[in-house]
Amino acid sequence: MGMERTVAGVWHGGYHCTVTAGDFEVTVDEPVEVGGSGLGPQPTDYFLASIASCFTLALGHAAKRQGLVPSALRVQVTGTYEGLRFASVRISAEVGVPADRVDALLEAAERVCYVTNTLRSGVELTTEVAAVEA
């Protein structure tokens, strides 16, 4: 089995929770218009953010490995809802490198991006819930 990475969520009532990832804590909430308090991004925003951040870093890593220093690097990720899931996710990137280097850069980034590789290959998802004394 490979190396594991764990994050932990704690519910604070309503649709508000905090998630601890290493030494960092992030606030998660739903927008006011759907019953949340609007104290932070909603879970699906963090899902899209994980794609955007990982792919941005993958492009930066690939550029460095290819001896490139991009003058700009921006990634936008858009998810299209279908019921209670995203039916599709679109990644759009702008990278300040010569146009003839873009294809190789994209190919290299796609090889090393953990998040997009996970989504493309599927993942085994298991759920366990245990009752605890309050």
C-alpha atoms as a PDB file:
ATOM      1  CA  MET A   1       0.000   0.000   0.000  1.00  0.00           C
ATOM      2  CA  GLY A   2       1.196   3.510  -0.777  1.00  0.00           C
ATOM      3  CA  MET A   3       1.725   6.459   1.503  1.00  0.00           C
ATOM      4  CA  GLU A   4      -1.439   7.858   3.076  1.00  0.00           C
ATOM      5  CA  ARG A   5      -2.505  11.463   3.586  1.00  0.00           C
ATOM      6  CA  THR A   6      -5.292  12.309   6.047  1.00  0.00           C
ATOM      7  CA  VAL A   7      -7.309  15.458   6.680  1.00  0.00           C
ATOM      8  CA  ALA A   8      -9.970  15.798   9.391  1.00  0.00           C
ATOM      9  CA  GLY A   9     -13.248  17.706   9.556  1.00  0.00           C
ATOM     10  CA  VAL A  10     -15.069  18.961  12.666  1.00  0.00           C
ATOM     11  CA  TRP A  11     -18.697  20.076  12.492  1.00  0.00           C
ATOM     12  CA  HIS A  12     -19.647  23.376  14.159  1.00  0.00           C
ATOM     13  CA  GLY A  13     -23.397  23.247  13.522  1.00  0.00           C
ATOM     14  CA  GLY A  14     -25.548  24.046  10.529  1.00  0.00           C
ATOM     15  CA  TYR A  15     -23.458  23.737   7.376  1.00  0.00           C
ATOM     16  CA  HIS A  16     -20.245  25.006   8.986  1.00  0.00           C
ATOM     17  CA  CYS A  17     -17.170  22.898   9.665  1.00  0.00           C
ATOM     18  CA  THR A  18     -13.429  23.277   9.815  1.00  0.00           C
ATOM     19  CA  VAL A  19     -10.974  20.932   8.157  1.00  0.00           C
ATOM     20  CA  THR A  20      -7.439  20.430   9.415  1.00  0.00           C
ATOM     21  CA  ALA A  21      -4.781  19.548   6.866  1.00  0.00           C
ATOM     22  CA  GLY A  22      -1.357  19.271   8.431  1.00  0.00           C
ATOM     23  CA  ASP A  23      -0.696  22.525  10.289  1.00  0.00           C
ATOM     24  CA  PHE A  24      -3.471  24.370   8.455  1.00  0.00           C
ATOM     25  CA  GLU A  25      -7.149  24.793   9.200  1.00  0.00           C
ATOM     26  CA  VAL A  26      -9.718  25.867   6.631  1.00  0.00           C
ATOM     27  CA  THR A  27     -13.305  26.961   7.150  1.00  0.00           C
ATOM     28  CA  VAL A  28     -16.027  25.343   5.086  1.00  0.00           C
ATOM     29  CA  ASP A  29     -19.636  26.534   4.905  1.00  0.00           C
ATOM     30  CA  GLU A  30     -22.505  26.782   2.502  1.00  0.00           C
ATOM     31  CA  PRO A  31     -23.742  30.089   1.067  1.00  0.00           C
ATOM     32  CA  VAL A  32     -26.491  31.926   2.956  1.00  0.00           C
ATOM     33  CA  GLU A  33     -28.934  31.414   0.075  1.00  0.00           C
ATOM     34  CA  VAL A  34     -28.859  27.624   0.623  1.00  0.00           C
ATOM     35  CA  GLY A  35     -29.025  27.723   4.415  1.00  0.00           C
ATOM     36  CA  GLY A  36     -25.395  28.205   5.385  1.00  0.00           C
ATOM     37  CA  SER A  37     -23.771  31.098   7.183  1.00  0.00           C
ATOM     38  CA  GLY A  38     -21.402  32.044   4.365  1.00  0.00           C
ATOM     39  CA  LEU A  39     -18.369  31.776   6.664  1.00  0.00           C
ATOM     40  CA  GLY A  40     -16.203  30.185   3.998  1.00  0.00           C
ATOM     41  CA  PRO A  41     -16.168  28.484   0.628  1.00  0.00           C
ATOM     42  CA  GLN A  42     -18.480  25.529   0.106  1.00  0.00           C
ATOM     43  CA  PRO A  43     -17.099  21.979  -0.247  1.00  0.00           C
ATOM     44  CA  THR A  44     -17.462  21.952  -4.032  1.00  0.00           C
ATOM     45  CA  ASP A  45     -15.375  25.144  -4.227  1.00  0.00           C
ATOM     46  CA  TYR A  46     -12.604  23.343  -2.337  1.00  0.00           C
ATOM     47  CA  PHE A  47     -12.964  20.392  -4.710  1.00  0.00           C
ATOM     48  CA  LEU A  48     -12.473  22.691  -7.706  1.00  0.00           C
ATOM     49  CA  ALA A  49      -9.718  24.550  -5.827  1.00  0.00           C
ATOM     50  CA  SER A  50      -7.852  21.279  -5.302  1.00  0.00           C
ATOM     51  CA  ILE A  51      -7.884  20.735  -9.060  1.00  0.00           C
ATOM     52  CA  ALA A  52      -6.840  24.326  -9.808  1.00  0.00           C
ATOM     53  CA  SER A  53      -4.059  24.402  -7.230  1.00  0.00           C
ATOM     54  CA  CYS A  54      -2.636  20.998  -8.124  1.00  0.00           C
ATOM     55  CA  PHE A  55      -2.691  21.682 -11.853  1.00  0.00           C
ATOM     56  CA  THR A  56      -1.174  25.146 -11.372  1.00  0.00           C
ATOM     57  CA  LEU A  57       1.676  23.643  -9.353  1.00  0.00           C
ATOM     58  CA  ALA A  58       2.054  20.797 -11.868  1.00  0.00           C
ATOM     59  CA  LEU A  59       2.420  23.309 -14.712  1.00  0.00           C
ATOM     60  CA  GLY A  60       4.961  25.285 -12.675  1.00  0.00           C
ATOM     61  CA  HIS A  61       6.891  22.103 -11.869  1.00  0.00           C
ATOM     62  CA  ALA A  62       6.841  20.986 -15.498  1.00  0.00           C
ATOM     63  CA  ALA A  63       8.016  24.412 -16.659  1.00  0.00           C
ATOM     64  CA  LYS A  64      10.927  24.349 -14.214  1.00  0.00           C
ATOM     65  CA  ARG A  65      11.924  20.838 -15.327  1.00  0.00           C
ATOM     66  CA  GLN A  66      11.899  22.055 -18.939  1.00  0.00           C
ATOM     67  CA  GLY A  67      14.046  25.088 -18.121  1.00  0.00           C
ATOM     68  CA  LEU A  68      11.174  27.526 -18.587  1.00  0.00           C
ATOM     69  CA  VAL A  69      10.254  30.482 -16.401  1.00  0.00           C
ATOM     70  CA  PRO A  70       6.667  31.426 -17.288  1.00  0.00           C
ATOM     71  CA  SER A  71       5.964  35.152 -17.399  1.00  0.00           C
ATOM     72  CA  ALA A  72       2.447  34.284 -16.190  1.00  0.00           C
ATOM     73  CA  LEU A  73       0.631  31.146 -15.113  1.00  0.00           C
ATOM     74  CA  ARG A  74      -3.105  31.155 -14.452  1.00  0.00           C
ATOM     75  CA  VAL A  75      -5.500  28.241 -14.146  1.00  0.00           C
ATOM     76  CA  GLN A  76      -9.285  28.407 -14.022  1.00  0.00           C
ATOM     77  CA  VAL A  77     -11.425  25.362 -13.222  1.00  0.00           C
ATOM     78  CA  THR A  78     -15.156  25.204 -13.912  1.00  0.00           C
ATOM     79  CA  GLY A  79     -17.424  22.397 -12.788  1.00  0.00           C
ATOM     80  CA  THR A  80     -20.852  21.775 -14.296  1.00  0.00           C
ATOM     81  CA  TYR A  81     -23.382  20.435 -11.809  1.00  0.00           C
ATOM     82  CA  GLU A  82     -25.668  17.555 -12.634  1.00  0.00           C
ATOM     83  CA  GLY A  83     -27.793  16.710  -9.627  1.00  0.00           C
ATOM     84  CA  LEU A  84     -25.583  16.094  -6.605  1.00  0.00           C
ATOM     85  CA  ARG A  85     -22.315  15.809  -8.516  1.00  0.00           C
ATOM     86  CA  PHE A  86     -20.213  17.468 -11.171  1.00  0.00           C
ATOM     87  CA  ALA A  87     -20.938  15.931 -14.568  1.00  0.00           C
ATOM     88  CA  SER A  88     -17.901  17.622 -16.076  1.00  0.00           C
ATOM     89  CA  VAL A  89     -14.914  19.702 -15.076  1.00  0.00           C
ATOM     90  CA  ARG A  90     -13.055  22.010 -17.452  1.00  0.00           C
ATOM     91  CA  ILE A  91      -9.508  23.231 -16.814  1.00  0.00           C
ATOM     92  CA  SER A  92      -8.368  26.331 -18.712  1.00  0.00           C
ATOM     93  CA  ALA A  93      -4.791  27.507 -18.373  1.00  0.00           C
ATOM     94  CA  GLU A  94      -2.774  30.456 -19.610  1.00  0.00           C
ATOM     95  CA  VAL A  95       0.988  30.070 -19.459  1.00  0.00           C
ATOM     96  CA  GLY A  96       3.490  32.718 -20.481  1.00  0.00           C
ATOM     97  CA  VAL A  97       5.833  30.485 -22.478  1.00  0.00           C
ATOM     98  CA  PRO A  98       6.559  30.185 -26.205  1.00  0.00           C
ATOM     99  CA  ALA A  99       3.574  28.673 -28.041  1.00  0.00           C
ATOM    100  CA  ASP A 100       5.676  25.803 -29.396  1.00  0.00           C
ATOM    101  CA  ARG A 101       6.371  24.638 -25.808  1.00  0.00           C
ATOM    102  CA  VAL A 102       2.747  24.491 -24.612  1.00  0.00           C
ATOM    103  CA  ASP A 103       1.948  20.919 -25.722  1.00  0.00           C
ATOM    104  CA  ALA A 104       5.010  19.421 -24.022  1.00  0.00           C
ATOM    105  CA  LEU A 105       4.305  21.474 -20.914  1.00  0.00           C
ATOM    106  CA  LEU A 106       0.700  20.264 -20.778  1.00  0.00           C
ATOM    107  CA  GLU A 107       1.721  16.637 -21.270  1.00  0.00           C
ATOM    108  CA  ALA A 108       4.294  16.860 -18.476  1.00  0.00           C
ATOM    109  CA  ALA A 109       1.866  18.577 -16.101  1.00  0.00           C
ATOM    110  CA  GLU A 110      -0.809  15.965 -16.743  1.00  0.00           C
ATOM    111  CA  ARG A 111       1.672  13.229 -15.804  1.00  0.00           C
ATOM    112  CA  VAL A 112       2.455  14.713 -12.366  1.00  0.00           C
ATOM    113  CA  CYS A 113      -0.855  16.221 -11.187  1.00  0.00           C
ATOM    114  CA  TYR A 114      -2.132  13.992  -8.361  1.00  0.00           C
ATOM    115  CA  VAL A 115      -5.633  15.432  -8.358  1.00  0.00           C
ATOM    116  CA  THR A 116      -6.381  15.176 -12.068  1.00  0.00           C
ATOM    117  CA  ASN A 117      -4.740  11.739 -12.232  1.00  0.00           C
ATOM    118  CA  THR A 118      -7.029  10.593  -9.406  1.00  0.00           C
ATOM    119  CA  LEU A 119     -10.124  11.921 -11.151  1.00  0.00           C
ATOM    120  CA  ARG A 120      -9.193  10.464 -14.523  1.00  0.00           C
ATOM    121  CA  SER A 121      -8.424   7.006 -13.167  1.00  0.00           C
ATOM    122  CA  GLY A 122     -11.227   6.778 -10.627  1.00  0.00           C
ATOM    123  CA  VAL A 123     -10.703   6.072  -6.970  1.00  0.00           C
ATOM    124  CA  GLU A 124     -11.927   3.445  -4.543  1.00  0.00           C
ATOM    125  CA  LEU A 125     -14.122   5.270  -2.031  1.00  0.00           C
ATOM    126  CA  THR A 126     -15.033   3.628   1.263  1.00  0.00           C
ATOM    127  CA  THR A 127     -17.061   5.122   4.103  1.00  0.00           C
ATOM    128  CA  GLU A 128     -17.083   4.179   7.786  1.00  0.00           C
ATOM    129  CA  VAL A 129     -19.302   5.760  10.443  1.00  0.00           C
ATOM    130  CA  ALA A 130     -19.079   4.924  14.154  1.00  0.00           C
ATOM    131  CA  ALA A 131     -21.333   6.057  16.994  1.00  0.00           C
ATOM    132  CA  VAL A 132     -19.554   7.780  19.900  1.00  0.00           C
ATOM    133  CA  GLU A 133     -20.760   8.893  23.294  1.00  0.00           C
ATOM    134  CA  ALA A 134     -21.658  12.575  23.342  1.00  0.00           C
END
